[in-house]
């Protein structure tokens, strides 16, 4: 594989540290780039420096948020405070790509482990995109409000990673500022519906814009990837060499999302709720997994 990526850029947080230890090493093995950077919350710098290969630069989020974080935080104040970090890491990626001085880069989620080598730039110098069948309508609506664009591609760009040309990213952010007459972080924040838990995807935003402006420079991978790593194998601690080799026969990469639970976990939660119900006298109905 040739060094066609100038930069591989990841974001991560302490809650994904165990996955990151595995992912970071596999990224070096399977995805060839000139430079590797992982951006993490400022307070987590010592932790990530202790668990990240030396080939990666561990950068603080503040490098990319800077002074723009104050109006951005104010614009996001209408949202659930617990979701603000979820949104901020997306703004970190956008700002990092806007500043990147490379021809091609890759955005990668820190909770996702590559399983085998695969390319993000093809022999015709097109960026190669993985896609998802799970398109979120709220993400489509947010892109429509922010950019005024509808999807051109039949599947979602929210697929744990996204190749980009930073020049295209800068075009996208400039188009947002021209449309709204304000800095792009504030325009994007204003376009996120505060009534939904996850109302924005930077991957959907960029992928939609790219497909409208640069479709000739895009290709799409037919290789599958796995979103439900935890429920499939039982968690990142179960991803030993045999398990990884087995998954690599089928998938390019596997994600370990926090919402995904190990096999049997839901049944154990329901049994716990029923035990609590016996103590409290509350009736647990079929399909009701709320305890208390």
C-alpha atoms as a PDB file:
ATOM      1  CA  UNK A   1       0.000   0.000   0.000  1.00  0.00           C
ATOM      2  CA  UNK A   2       1.413   3.430  -0.918  1.00  0.00           C
ATOM      3  CA  UNK A   3       1.552   6.442   1.396  1.00  0.00           C
ATOM      4  CA  UNK A   4      -1.367   8.240  -0.214  1.00  0.00           C
ATOM      5  CA  UNK A   5      -2.666   9.724   3.051  1.00  0.00           C
ATOM      6  CA  UNK A   6      -0.820  12.720   4.388  1.00  0.00           C
ATOM      7  CA  UNK A   7      -2.582  12.556   7.751  1.00  0.00           C
ATOM      8  CA  UNK A   8      -4.601  10.100   9.804  1.00  0.00           C
ATOM      9  CA  UNK A   9      -6.571  12.080  12.407  1.00  0.00           C
ATOM     10  CA  UNK A  10      -8.474  10.462  15.282  1.00  0.00           C
ATOM     11  CA  UNK A  11     -10.480  11.716  18.219  1.00  0.00           C
ATOM     12  CA  UNK A  12     -10.873   9.753  21.425  1.00  0.00           C
ATOM     13  CA  UNK A  13     -11.882  10.097  25.082  1.00  0.00           C
ATOM     14  CA  UNK A  14     -10.981   8.185  28.262  1.00  0.00           C
ATOM     15  CA  UNK A  15     -14.134   6.078  28.089  1.00  0.00           C
ATOM     16  CA  UNK A  16     -12.745   4.501  24.907  1.00  0.00           C
ATOM     17  CA  UNK A  17      -9.160   4.129  26.176  1.00  0.00           C
ATOM     18  CA  UNK A  18      -9.209   0.318  26.150  1.00  0.00           C
ATOM     19  CA  UNK A  19     -10.416   0.230  22.553  1.00  0.00           C
ATOM     20  CA  UNK A  20      -7.914   2.896  21.562  1.00  0.00           C
ATOM     21  CA  UNK A  21      -4.975   0.829  22.819  1.00  0.00           C
ATOM     22  CA  UNK A  22      -5.918  -1.864  20.315  1.00  0.00           C
ATOM     23  CA  UNK A  23      -7.084   0.472  17.553  1.00  0.00           C
ATOM     24  CA  UNK A  24      -3.977   2.660  17.555  1.00  0.00           C
ATOM     25  CA  UNK A  25      -1.655  -0.292  17.014  1.00  0.00           C
ATOM     26  CA  UNK A  26      -3.822  -1.704  14.256  1.00  0.00           C
ATOM     27  CA  UNK A  27      -4.029   1.666  12.547  1.00  0.00           C
ATOM     28  CA  UNK A  28      -0.253   1.729  12.269  1.00  0.00           C
ATOM     29  CA  UNK A  29      -0.292  -1.800  10.828  1.00  0.00           C
ATOM     30  CA  UNK A  30      -3.156  -1.430   8.372  1.00  0.00           C
ATOM     31  CA  UNK A  31      -3.544   2.235   7.353  1.00  0.00           C
ATOM     32  CA  UNK A  32      -0.445   3.842   5.851  1.00  0.00           C
ATOM     33  CA  UNK A  33      -0.171   7.616   6.459  1.00  0.00           C
ATOM     34  CA  UNK A  34       2.654  10.117   6.710  1.00  0.00           C
ATOM     35  CA  UNK A  35       1.506  11.522  10.063  1.00  0.00           C
ATOM     36  CA  UNK A  36      -0.738  10.138  12.815  1.00  0.00           C
ATOM     37  CA  UNK A  37      -2.554  12.363  15.335  1.00  0.00           C
ATOM     38  CA  UNK A  38      -5.076  11.588  18.072  1.00  0.00           C
ATOM     39  CA  UNK A  39      -6.896  14.526  19.695  1.00  0.00           C
ATOM     40  CA  UNK A  40      -8.169  14.000  23.249  1.00  0.00           C
ATOM     41  CA  UNK A  41      -9.570  16.149  26.072  1.00  0.00           C
ATOM     42  CA  UNK A  42      -6.818  18.251  27.595  1.00  0.00           C
ATOM     43  CA  UNK A  43      -7.056  16.532  30.991  1.00  0.00           C
ATOM     44  CA  UNK A  44      -6.604  13.133  29.332  1.00  0.00           C
ATOM     45  CA  UNK A  45      -3.254  13.931  27.688  1.00  0.00           C
ATOM     46  CA  UNK A  46      -1.135  12.018  30.293  1.00  0.00           C
ATOM     47  CA  UNK A  47      -3.362   8.940  30.036  1.00  0.00           C
ATOM     48  CA  UNK A  48      -3.238   8.795  26.262  1.00  0.00           C
ATOM     49  CA  UNK A  49       0.487   9.457  26.077  1.00  0.00           C
ATOM     50  CA  UNK A  50       0.952   6.409  28.307  1.00  0.00           C
ATOM     51  CA  UNK A  51      -1.150   4.064  26.126  1.00  0.00           C
ATOM     52  CA  UNK A  52      -0.549   5.396  22.594  1.00  0.00           C
ATOM     53  CA  UNK A  53       2.290   4.285  20.276  1.00  0.00           C
ATOM     54  CA  UNK A  54       5.026   6.857  19.848  1.00  0.00           C
ATOM     55  CA  UNK A  55       4.241   7.158  16.140  1.00  0.00           C
ATOM     56  CA  UNK A  56       1.093   9.062  17.134  1.00  0.00           C
ATOM     57  CA  UNK A  57       1.111  12.675  18.228  1.00  0.00           C
ATOM     58  CA  UNK A  58      -1.267  13.057  21.180  1.00  0.00           C
ATOM     59  CA  UNK A  59      -2.828  16.514  20.812  1.00  0.00           C
ATOM     60  CA  UNK A  60      -5.164  18.426  23.157  1.00  0.00           C
ATOM     61  CA  UNK A  61      -8.645  19.260  21.915  1.00  0.00           C
ATOM     62  CA  UNK A  62      -7.989  22.903  22.842  1.00  0.00           C
ATOM     63  CA  UNK A  63      -5.515  23.155  19.961  1.00  0.00           C
ATOM     64  CA  UNK A  64      -8.454  22.884  17.571  1.00  0.00           C
ATOM     65  CA  UNK A  65     -11.252  24.491  19.580  1.00  0.00           C
ATOM     66  CA  UNK A  66      -9.272  27.498  20.800  1.00  0.00           C
ATOM     67  CA  UNK A  67     -11.171  30.713  21.402  1.00  0.00           C
ATOM     68  CA  UNK A  68     -13.975  29.554  19.105  1.00  0.00           C
ATOM     69  CA  UNK A  69     -15.047  27.118  21.818  1.00  0.00           C
ATOM     70  CA  UNK A  70     -16.687  29.867  23.904  1.00  0.00           C
ATOM     71  CA  UNK A  71     -19.340  30.956  21.372  1.00  0.00           C
ATOM     72  CA  UNK A  72     -19.614  27.341  20.299  1.00  0.00           C
ATOM     73  CA  UNK A  73     -20.369  26.187  23.841  1.00  0.00           C
ATOM     74  CA  UNK A  74     -22.884  29.000  24.169  1.00  0.00           C
ATOM     75  CA  UNK A  75     -24.594  27.935  20.941  1.00  0.00           C
ATOM     76  CA  UNK A  76     -24.746  24.334  22.179  1.00  0.00           C
ATOM     77  CA  UNK A  77     -26.104  25.335  25.593  1.00  0.00           C
ATOM     78  CA  UNK A  78     -29.663  24.519  24.501  1.00  0.00           C
ATOM     79  CA  UNK A  79     -28.673  20.874  24.122  1.00  0.00           C
ATOM     80  CA  UNK A  80     -28.368  18.146  26.728  1.00  0.00           C
ATOM     81  CA  UNK A  81     -25.087  18.987  28.542  1.00  0.00           C
ATOM     82  CA  UNK A  82     -24.187  15.295  28.480  1.00  0.00           C
ATOM     83  CA  UNK A  83     -24.125  15.440  24.666  1.00  0.00           C
ATOM     84  CA  UNK A  84     -21.879  18.497  24.345  1.00  0.00           C
ATOM     85  CA  UNK A  85     -18.637  16.410  24.288  1.00  0.00           C
ATOM     86  CA  UNK A  86     -20.197  14.299  21.520  1.00  0.00           C
ATOM     87  CA  UNK A  87     -20.646  17.437  19.423  1.00  0.00           C
ATOM     88  CA  UNK A  88     -17.335  19.054  20.354  1.00  0.00           C
ATOM     89  CA  UNK A  89     -15.259  16.146  19.038  1.00  0.00           C
ATOM     90  CA  UNK A  90     -16.980  16.619  15.679  1.00  0.00           C
ATOM     91  CA  UNK A  91     -15.970  20.287  15.647  1.00  0.00           C
ATOM     92  CA  UNK A  92     -12.411  19.254  16.544  1.00  0.00           C
ATOM     93  CA  UNK A  93     -12.302  17.076  13.411  1.00  0.00           C
ATOM     94  CA  UNK A  94     -13.685  19.829  11.206  1.00  0.00           C
ATOM     95  CA  UNK A  95     -11.221  22.421  12.507  1.00  0.00           C
ATOM     96  CA  UNK A  96      -8.294  20.003  12.224  1.00  0.00           C
ATOM     97  CA  UNK A  97      -9.139  19.283   8.598  1.00  0.00           C
ATOM     98  CA  UNK A  98      -9.662  22.963   7.832  1.00  0.00           C
ATOM     99  CA  UNK A  99      -6.095  23.594   9.033  1.00  0.00           C
ATOM    100  CA  UNK A 100      -4.482  20.486   7.536  1.00  0.00           C
ATOM    101  CA  UNK A 101      -1.820  21.125   4.907  1.00  0.00           C
ATOM    102  CA  UNK A 102      -2.031  17.792   3.085  1.00  0.00           C
ATOM    103  CA  UNK A 103      -3.653  16.569  -0.110  1.00  0.00           C
ATOM    104  CA  UNK A 104      -5.617  13.711   1.488  1.00  0.00           C
ATOM    105  CA  UNK A 105      -6.408  12.797   5.087  1.00  0.00           C
ATOM    106  CA  UNK A 106      -8.470  10.266   6.990  1.00  0.00           C
ATOM    107  CA  UNK A 107     -10.809  10.930   9.896  1.00  0.00           C
ATOM    108  CA  UNK A 108     -11.103   7.916  12.200  1.00  0.00           C
ATOM    109  CA  UNK A 109     -13.216   7.249  15.312  1.00  0.00           C
ATOM    110  CA  UNK A 110     -11.199   6.153  18.340  1.00  0.00           C
ATOM    111  CA  UNK A 111     -13.711   3.423  19.244  1.00  0.00           C
ATOM    112  CA  UNK A 112     -13.086   1.570  15.978  1.00  0.00           C
ATOM    113  CA  UNK A 113     -10.437  -1.085  15.240  1.00  0.00           C
ATOM    114  CA  UNK A 114      -9.163  -1.782  11.697  1.00  0.00           C
ATOM    115  CA  UNK A 115      -8.861  -5.521  11.064  1.00  0.00           C
ATOM    116  CA  UNK A 116      -6.973  -5.735   7.770  1.00  0.00           C
ATOM    117  CA  UNK A 117      -5.190  -3.457   5.278  1.00  0.00           C
ATOM    118  CA  UNK A 118      -7.417  -1.448   2.982  1.00  0.00           C
ATOM    119  CA  UNK A 119      -6.959   1.694   0.899  1.00  0.00           C
ATOM    120  CA  UNK A 120      -8.691   5.060   1.107  1.00  0.00           C
ATOM    121  CA  UNK A 121      -7.328   6.366  -2.193  1.00  0.00           C
ATOM    122  CA  UNK A 122      -7.681   4.262  -5.348  1.00  0.00           C
ATOM    123  CA  UNK A 123      -5.506   3.932  -8.459  1.00  0.00           C
ATOM    124  CA  UNK A 124      -7.374   6.872 -10.038  1.00  0.00           C
ATOM    125  CA  UNK A 125      -6.631   9.078  -6.989  1.00  0.00           C
ATOM    126  CA  UNK A 126     -10.275   8.996  -5.923  1.00  0.00           C
ATOM    127  CA  UNK A 127     -11.123   8.939  -2.229  1.00  0.00           C
ATOM    128  CA  UNK A 128     -12.681   5.597  -1.221  1.00  0.00           C
ATOM    129  CA  UNK A 129     -15.626   5.842   1.177  1.00  0.00           C
ATOM    130  CA  UNK A 130     -17.192   3.192   3.382  1.00  0.00           C
ATOM    131  CA  UNK A 131     -20.916   3.679   3.876  1.00  0.00           C
ATOM    132  CA  UNK A 132     -23.607   2.661   6.363  1.00  0.00           C
ATOM    133  CA  UNK A 133     -27.148   1.357   5.881  1.00  0.00           C
ATOM    134  CA  UNK A 134     -28.271   3.114   9.059  1.00  0.00           C
ATOM    135  CA  UNK A 135     -28.941   6.661   7.868  1.00  0.00           C
ATOM    136  CA  UNK A 136     -30.253   8.919  10.648  1.00  0.00           C
ATOM    137  CA  UNK A 137     -33.065  11.210   9.387  1.00  0.00           C
ATOM    138  CA  UNK A 138     -32.123  13.888  11.932  1.00  0.00           C
ATOM    139  CA  UNK A 139     -28.626  14.044  10.431  1.00  0.00           C
ATOM    140  CA  UNK A 140     -30.130  14.510   6.964  1.00  0.00           C
ATOM    141  CA  UNK A 141     -32.360  17.295   8.284  1.00  0.00           C
ATOM    142  CA  UNK A 142     -29.387  18.995   9.957  1.00  0.00           C
ATOM    143  CA  UNK A 143     -27.403  18.938   6.708  1.00  0.00           C
ATOM    144  CA  UNK A 144     -30.406  20.366   4.899  1.00  0.00           C
ATOM    145  CA  UNK A 145     -30.636  23.248   7.396  1.00  0.00           C
ATOM    146  CA  UNK A 146     -26.887  23.896   7.424  1.00  0.00           C
ATOM    147  CA  UNK A 147     -26.030  23.468   3.735  1.00  0.00           C
ATOM    148  CA  UNK A 148     -29.394  23.369   1.944  1.00  0.00           C
ATOM    149  CA  UNK A 149     -28.415  20.041   0.360  1.00  0.00           C
ATOM    150  CA  UNK A 150     -30.179  16.675   0.157  1.00  0.00           C
ATOM    151  CA  UNK A 151     -28.374  13.321  -0.059  1.00  0.00           C
ATOM    152  CA  UNK A 152     -27.156  12.220  -3.490  1.00  0.00           C
ATOM    153  CA  UNK A 153     -25.780   8.880  -2.310  1.00  0.00           C
ATOM    154  CA  UNK A 154     -28.257   6.203  -1.263  1.00  0.00           C
ATOM    155  CA  UNK A 155     -26.440   5.213   1.945  1.00  0.00           C
ATOM    156  CA  UNK A 156     -25.066   7.108   4.927  1.00  0.00           C
ATOM    157  CA  UNK A 157     -21.544   8.515   5.286  1.00  0.00           C
ATOM    158  CA  UNK A 158     -21.696   7.916   9.066  1.00  0.00           C
ATOM    159  CA  UNK A 159     -19.442   4.870   8.934  1.00  0.00           C
ATOM    160  CA  UNK A 160     -16.825   5.391  11.693  1.00  0.00           C
ATOM    161  CA  UNK A 161     -14.278   6.899   9.279  1.00  0.00           C
ATOM    162  CA  UNK A 162     -14.149   9.366   6.416  1.00  0.00           C
ATOM    163  CA  UNK A 163     -11.412  10.161   3.891  1.00  0.00           C
ATOM    164  CA  UNK A 164     -11.218  13.848   3.040  1.00  0.00           C
ATOM    165  CA  UNK A 165      -9.337  16.339   0.971  1.00  0.00           C
ATOM    166  CA  UNK A 166      -8.816  19.286   3.331  1.00  0.00           C
ATOM    167  CA  UNK A 167      -9.309  21.614   0.377  1.00  0.00           C
ATOM    168  CA  UNK A 168     -12.839  20.188   0.011  1.00  0.00           C
ATOM    169  CA  UNK A 169     -13.455  20.642   3.747  1.00  0.00           C
ATOM    170  CA  UNK A 170     -12.473  24.295   3.505  1.00  0.00           C
ATOM    171  CA  UNK A 171     -14.879  24.699   0.566  1.00  0.00           C
ATOM    172  CA  UNK A 172     -17.664  23.188   2.669  1.00  0.00           C
ATOM    173  CA  UNK A 173     -17.045  25.440   5.660  1.00  0.00           C
ATOM    174  CA  UNK A 174     -16.820  28.506   3.427  1.00  0.00           C
ATOM    175  CA  UNK A 175     -20.164  27.567   1.835  1.00  0.00           C
ATOM    176  CA  UNK A 176     -21.728  27.332   5.306  1.00  0.00           C
ATOM    177  CA  UNK A 177     -20.414  30.767   6.281  1.00  0.00           C
ATOM    178  CA  UNK A 178     -21.623  32.306   3.013  1.00  0.00           C
ATOM    179  CA  UNK A 179     -25.084  30.769   3.460  1.00  0.00           C
ATOM    180  CA  UNK A 180     -25.527  31.876   7.104  1.00  0.00           C
ATOM    181  CA  UNK A 181     -23.368  34.991   7.386  1.00  0.00           C
ATOM    182  CA  UNK A 182     -21.643  33.799  10.564  1.00  0.00           C
ATOM    183  CA  UNK A 183     -18.620  31.650  11.526  1.00  0.00           C
ATOM    184  CA  UNK A 184     -19.159  28.026  10.573  1.00  0.00           C
ATOM    185  CA  UNK A 185     -19.028  26.641  14.163  1.00  0.00           C
ATOM    186  CA  UNK A 186     -21.892  28.896  15.191  1.00  0.00           C
ATOM    187  CA  UNK A 187     -23.842  28.186  11.992  1.00  0.00           C
ATOM    188  CA  UNK A 188     -23.533  24.429  12.461  1.00  0.00           C
ATOM    189  CA  UNK A 189     -24.430  24.620  16.156  1.00  0.00           C
ATOM    190  CA  UNK A 190     -27.519  26.658  15.311  1.00  0.00           C
ATOM    191  CA  UNK A 191     -28.556  24.016  12.789  1.00  0.00           C
ATOM    192  CA  UNK A 192     -28.580  21.159  15.305  1.00  0.00           C
ATOM    193  CA  UNK A 193     -32.021  20.276  16.669  1.00  0.00           C
ATOM    194  CA  UNK A 194     -31.772  20.531  20.485  1.00  0.00           C
ATOM    195  CA  UNK A 195     -34.715  18.171  20.852  1.00  0.00           C
ATOM    196  CA  UNK A 196     -32.796  15.093  19.677  1.00  0.00           C
ATOM    197  CA  UNK A 197     -29.976  13.222  21.414  1.00  0.00           C
ATOM    198  CA  UNK A 198     -27.575  13.059  18.454  1.00  0.00           C
ATOM    199  CA  UNK A 199     -28.676  15.671  15.970  1.00  0.00           C
ATOM    200  CA  UNK A 200     -25.583  16.099  13.817  1.00  0.00           C
ATOM    201  CA  UNK A 201     -22.960  14.053  11.992  1.00  0.00           C
ATOM    202  CA  UNK A 202     -19.862  15.731  10.611  1.00  0.00           C
ATOM    203  CA  UNK A 203     -19.378  12.710   8.330  1.00  0.00           C
ATOM    204  CA  UNK A 204     -22.862  13.127   6.848  1.00  0.00           C
ATOM    205  CA  UNK A 205     -22.270  16.863   6.417  1.00  0.00           C
ATOM    206  CA  UNK A 206     -18.943  16.467   4.620  1.00  0.00           C
ATOM    207  CA  UNK A 207     -19.960  13.411   2.602  1.00  0.00           C
ATOM    208  CA  UNK A 208     -23.099  15.141   1.332  1.00  0.00           C
ATOM    209  CA  UNK A 209     -21.150  18.246   0.350  1.00  0.00           C
ATOM    210  CA  UNK A 210     -18.409  16.220  -1.343  1.00  0.00           C
ATOM    211  CA  UNK A 211     -20.945  14.235  -3.372  1.00  0.00           C
ATOM    212  CA  UNK A 212     -22.530  17.465  -4.651  1.00  0.00           C
ATOM    213  CA  UNK A 213     -19.255  19.161  -5.537  1.00  0.00           C
ATOM    214  CA  UNK A 214     -16.693  16.400  -6.136  1.00  0.00           C
ATOM    215  CA  UNK A 215     -18.524  13.190  -7.013  1.00  0.00           C
ATOM    216  CA  UNK A 216     -16.049  12.451  -9.795  1.00  0.00           C
ATOM    217  CA  UNK A 217     -13.298  12.279  -7.171  1.00  0.00           C
ATOM    218  CA  UNK A 218     -15.127   9.716  -5.022  1.00  0.00           C
ATOM    219  CA  UNK A 219     -15.364   5.919  -5.013  1.00  0.00           C
ATOM    220  CA  UNK A 220     -17.304   3.625  -2.707  1.00  0.00           C
ATOM    221  CA  UNK A 221     -16.104   0.468  -1.000  1.00  0.00           C
ATOM    222  CA  UNK A 222     -18.189  -2.691  -1.209  1.00  0.00           C
ATOM    223  CA  UNK A 223     -16.321  -4.258   1.730  1.00  0.00           C
ATOM    224  CA  UNK A 224     -18.423  -4.715   4.886  1.00  0.00           C
ATOM    225  CA  UNK A 225     -17.593  -3.419   8.341  1.00  0.00           C
ATOM    226  CA  UNK A 226     -19.082  -4.276  11.739  1.00  0.00           C
ATOM    227  CA  UNK A 227     -20.733  -1.759  14.078  1.00  0.00           C
ATOM    228  CA  UNK A 228     -21.659  -4.130  16.921  1.00  0.00           C
ATOM    229  CA  UNK A 229     -18.290  -5.410  18.100  1.00  0.00           C
ATOM    230  CA  UNK A 230     -19.255  -5.722  21.760  1.00  0.00           C
ATOM    231  CA  UNK A 231     -22.448  -7.703  21.254  1.00  0.00           C
ATOM    232  CA  UNK A 232     -20.753  -9.852  18.607  1.00  0.00           C
ATOM    233  CA  UNK A 233     -17.681 -10.999  20.539  1.00  0.00           C
ATOM    234  CA  UNK A 234     -18.340  -9.788  24.098  1.00  0.00           C
ATOM    235  CA  UNK A 235     -16.186  -6.644  24.249  1.00  0.00           C
ATOM    236  CA  UNK A 236     -12.761  -5.329  23.296  1.00  0.00           C
ATOM    237  CA  UNK A 237     -11.098  -7.590  25.864  1.00  0.00           C
ATOM    238  CA  UNK A 238     -12.266 -10.565  23.774  1.00  0.00           C
ATOM    239  CA  UNK A 239     -10.531  -9.291  20.617  1.00  0.00           C
ATOM    240  CA  UNK A 240      -7.566 -11.642  20.837  1.00  0.00           C
ATOM    241  CA  UNK A 241      -5.596 -12.842  17.807  1.00  0.00           C
ATOM    242  CA  UNK A 242      -7.967 -15.702  16.846  1.00  0.00           C
ATOM    243  CA  UNK A 243     -11.064 -13.486  17.183  1.00  0.00           C
ATOM    244  CA  UNK A 244      -9.431 -10.738  15.175  1.00  0.00           C
ATOM    245  CA  UNK A 245      -8.368 -13.136  12.428  1.00  0.00           C
ATOM    246  CA  UNK A 246     -11.902 -14.543  12.236  1.00  0.00           C
ATOM    247  CA  UNK A 247     -13.489 -11.079  11.977  1.00  0.00           C
ATOM    248  CA  UNK A 248     -10.881  -9.990   9.422  1.00  0.00           C
ATOM    249  CA  UNK A 249     -12.106 -12.722   7.080  1.00  0.00           C
ATOM    250  CA  UNK A 250     -15.378 -10.797   6.787  1.00  0.00           C
ATOM    251  CA  UNK A 251     -14.877  -7.157   7.794  1.00  0.00           C
ATOM    252  CA  UNK A 252     -12.507  -4.242   7.177  1.00  0.00           C
ATOM    253  CA  UNK A 253     -13.029  -2.854  10.679  1.00  0.00           C
ATOM    254  CA  UNK A 254     -15.114  -3.231  13.821  1.00  0.00           C
ATOM    255  CA  UNK A 255     -16.559  -0.594  16.175  1.00  0.00           C
ATOM    256  CA  UNK A 256     -17.066  -0.909  19.928  1.00  0.00           C
ATOM    257  CA  UNK A 257     -19.773   1.663  20.638  1.00  0.00           C
ATOM    258  CA  UNK A 258     -20.765   2.419  24.235  1.00  0.00           C
ATOM    259  CA  UNK A 259     -24.443   1.713  23.552  1.00  0.00           C
ATOM    260  CA  UNK A 260     -23.618  -1.795  22.350  1.00  0.00           C
ATOM    261  CA  UNK A 261     -23.792  -4.402  25.121  1.00  0.00           C
ATOM    262  CA  UNK A 262     -22.300  -7.898  25.498  1.00  0.00           C
ATOM    263  CA  UNK A 263     -24.448 -10.940  24.696  1.00  0.00           C
ATOM    264  CA  UNK A 264     -26.933 -11.616  27.465  1.00  0.00           C
ATOM    265  CA  UNK A 265     -26.511  -8.187  29.064  1.00  0.00           C
ATOM    266  CA  UNK A 266     -30.066  -7.117  28.248  1.00  0.00           C
ATOM    267  CA  UNK A 267     -31.443 -10.334  29.744  1.00  0.00           C
ATOM    268  CA  UNK A 268     -29.378  -9.761  32.899  1.00  0.00           C
ATOM    269  CA  UNK A 269     -30.682  -6.179  33.111  1.00  0.00           C
ATOM    270  CA  UNK A 270     -34.246  -7.429  32.794  1.00  0.00           C
ATOM    271  CA  UNK A 271     -33.718 -10.091  35.465  1.00  0.00           C
ATOM    272  CA  UNK A 272     -32.335  -7.386  37.774  1.00  0.00           C
ATOM    273  CA  UNK A 273     -35.378  -5.217  37.093  1.00  0.00           C
ATOM    274  CA  UNK A 274     -37.687  -8.109  37.903  1.00  0.00           C
ATOM    275  CA  UNK A 275     -35.866  -8.786  41.156  1.00  0.00           C
ATOM    276  CA  UNK A 276     -36.221  -5.113  42.066  1.00  0.00           C
ATOM    277  CA  UNK A 277     -39.907  -5.271  41.169  1.00  0.00           C
ATOM    278  CA  UNK A 278     -40.449  -8.140  43.581  1.00  0.00           C
ATOM    279  CA  UNK A 279     -38.958  -6.012  46.355  1.00  0.00           C
ATOM    280  CA  UNK A 280     -40.773  -2.791  45.481  1.00  0.00           C
ATOM    281  CA  UNK A 281     -44.070  -4.311  44.319  1.00  0.00           C
ATOM    282  CA  UNK A 282     -43.719  -2.674  40.871  1.00  0.00           C
ATOM    283  CA  UNK A 283     -45.015  -4.672  37.913  1.00  0.00           C
ATOM    284  CA  UNK A 284     -42.593  -5.310  35.060  1.00  0.00           C
ATOM    285  CA  UNK A 285     -44.440  -5.680  31.761  1.00  0.00           C
ATOM    286  CA  UNK A 286     -43.115  -7.411  28.672  1.00  0.00           C
ATOM    287  CA  UNK A 287     -40.948  -4.926  26.748  1.00  0.00           C
ATOM    288  CA  UNK A 288     -40.388  -2.755  29.837  1.00  0.00           C
ATOM    289  CA  UNK A 289     -36.710  -2.726  30.825  1.00  0.00           C
ATOM    290  CA  UNK A 290     -36.856   0.282  33.153  1.00  0.00           C
ATOM    291  CA  UNK A 291     -36.086  -0.484  36.772  1.00  0.00           C
ATOM    292  CA  UNK A 292     -37.275   1.698  39.606  1.00  0.00           C
END
